[in-house]
Amino acid sequence: MPVTRAELGFTFGLAASLGPRARRVALAPGFIGGGLGDAGLFEAVWAALKPGGRLVANAVSLGSEAKLIDCFQRHGGELTRLEIAKSGPAGRSGKVFVWRPAAPIIQWRVTKP
């Protein structure tokens, strides 16, 4: 069952108030899909989140991962590391396949007290 905006305690108005940068990264209410290195982005989202609201943030870069770990240490929640690999050819024959790993994704989920 999808989580409603009311359950998140978050509105789409935040994306409008933060401008194009937030519209680029705020793919859904309470979700940060990138841009954690942008100064003040997390702080603005956290300030707009009402008590009981849930936030999910993803990171791929080392800088964004460090920011998520810092947020996790300050606010609690749960960190998850997701690793995905796709099959791809090995060598020139095209007959042997191996796993080709993608960059890991770090996900932080938290409910604001």
Protein backbone atom coordinates (compact mmCIF):
# COMPACT_ATOMS: atom_id res chain seq x y z
CA MET A 1 0.00 0.00 0.00
CA PRO A 2 1.49 3.39 -0.97
CA VAL A 3 2.33 5.92 1.72
CA THR A 4 0.28 9.11 1.43
CA ARG A 5 1.62 12.65 1.72
CA ALA A 6 -0.30 13.03 4.97
CA GLU A 7 1.45 9.98 6.43
CA LEU A 8 4.80 11.37 5.40
CA GLY A 9 4.02 14.76 6.89
CA PHE A 10 5.62 16.26 3.79
CA THR A 11 4.25 18.24 0.88
CA PHE A 12 5.27 18.80 -2.71
CA GLY A 13 5.52 22.50 -1.82
CA LEU A 14 9.07 21.92 -0.61
CA ALA A 15 10.27 21.13 -4.13
CA ALA A 16 8.73 24.35 -5.39
CA SER A 17 10.26 26.40 -2.58
CA LEU A 18 13.77 25.00 -3.13
CA GLY A 19 13.68 25.56 -6.88
CA PRO A 20 15.11 23.47 -9.74
CA ARG A 21 17.72 21.71 -7.62
CA ALA A 22 15.07 20.15 -5.38
CA ARG A 23 12.79 19.28 -8.30
CA ARG A 24 15.76 17.42 -9.80
CA VAL A 25 16.36 15.28 -6.70
CA ALA A 26 13.01 15.12 -4.87
CA LEU A 27 11.45 12.35 -6.95
CA ALA A 28 8.66 11.74 -4.43
CA PRO A 29 7.59 13.24 -1.10
CA GLY A 30 10.07 12.34 1.61
CA PHE A 31 12.62 11.00 -0.87
CA ILE A 32 16.07 12.36 -1.72
CA GLY A 33 17.41 10.56 -4.77
CA GLY A 34 20.66 12.48 -5.11
CA GLY A 35 22.23 15.85 -4.56
CA LEU A 36 23.12 15.30 -0.91
CA GLY A 37 26.34 17.18 -1.54
CA ASP A 38 24.33 20.32 -2.30
CA ALA A 39 24.72 22.67 0.66
CA GLY A 40 21.61 22.81 2.81
CA LEU A 41 19.49 20.32 0.85
CA PHE A 42 19.14 17.72 3.61
CA GLU A 43 18.65 20.40 6.25
CA ALA A 44 15.81 22.01 4.26
CA VAL A 45 14.08 18.67 3.68
CA TRP A 46 14.48 17.64 7.34
CA ALA A 47 13.13 20.99 8.56
CA ALA A 48 10.05 20.63 6.32
CA LEU A 49 9.37 17.07 7.45
CA LYS A 50 6.74 16.97 10.21
CA PRO A 51 7.17 14.78 13.32
CA GLY A 52 6.23 11.21 12.40
CA GLY A 53 7.15 11.85 8.77
CA ARG A 54 9.36 9.32 7.01
CA LEU A 55 12.37 10.15 4.86
CA VAL A 56 14.27 7.93 2.43
CA ALA A 57 17.58 9.07 0.94
CA ASN A 58 19.87 7.27 -1.52
CA ALA A 59 23.57 7.86 -2.18
CA VAL A 60 26.11 6.47 -4.63
CA SER A 61 29.10 8.82 -4.32
CA LEU A 62 31.52 8.59 -1.39
CA GLY A 63 30.70 12.17 -0.38
CA SER A 64 26.96 11.49 -0.30
CA GLU A 65 27.55 8.20 1.54
CA ALA A 66 29.52 10.09 4.21
CA LYS A 67 26.64 12.59 4.52
CA LEU A 68 24.14 9.73 4.98
CA ILE A 69 26.31 8.12 7.66
CA ASP A 70 26.52 11.47 9.45
CA CYS A 71 22.72 11.89 9.25
CA PHE A 72 22.26 8.31 10.49
CA GLN A 73 24.53 8.97 13.48
CA ARG A 74 22.65 12.19 14.35
CA HIS A 75 19.05 11.10 13.66
CA GLY A 76 18.99 7.29 13.84
CA GLY A 77 17.00 5.22 11.39
CA GLU A 78 18.31 2.38 9.26
CA LEU A 79 21.13 2.17 6.70
CA THR A 80 21.04 -0.39 3.90
CA ARG A 81 23.70 -1.08 1.26
CA LEU A 82 22.31 -2.40 -2.02
CA GLU A 83 24.59 -4.03 -4.57
CA ILE A 84 23.46 -5.08 -8.02
CA ALA A 85 25.32 -6.82 -10.84
CA LYS A 86 24.29 -7.59 -14.41
CA SER A 87 25.65 -10.33 -16.61
CA GLY A 88 28.01 -9.30 -19.37
CA PRO A 89 30.37 -10.96 -21.80
CA ALA A 90 33.90 -11.87 -20.73
CA GLY A 91 36.62 -12.02 -23.34
CA ARG A 92 36.28 -11.77 -27.08
CA SER A 93 34.31 -14.92 -27.83
CA GLY A 94 31.03 -13.59 -26.43
CA LYS A 95 30.27 -17.11 -25.21
CA VAL A 96 31.36 -16.69 -21.60
CA PHE A 97 29.47 -14.37 -19.28
CA VAL A 98 30.42 -12.91 -15.90
CA TRP A 99 28.81 -10.61 -13.36
CA ARG A 100 29.48 -6.88 -13.91
CA PRO A 101 28.86 -4.99 -10.65
CA ALA A 102 27.21 -1.59 -10.59
CA ALA A 103 28.11 1.03 -8.00
CA PRO A 104 26.56 0.19 -4.62
CA ILE A 105 23.63 2.28 -3.42
CA ILE A 106 23.44 3.34 0.22
CA GLN A 107 19.89 3.93 1.46
CA TRP A 108 18.94 5.66 4.71
CA ARG A 109 15.40 5.41 6.06
CA VAL A 110 14.29 7.37 9.08
CA THR A 111 11.12 8.53 10.84
CA LYS A 112 11.33 12.02 12.33
CA PRO A 113 10.57 11.98 16.06
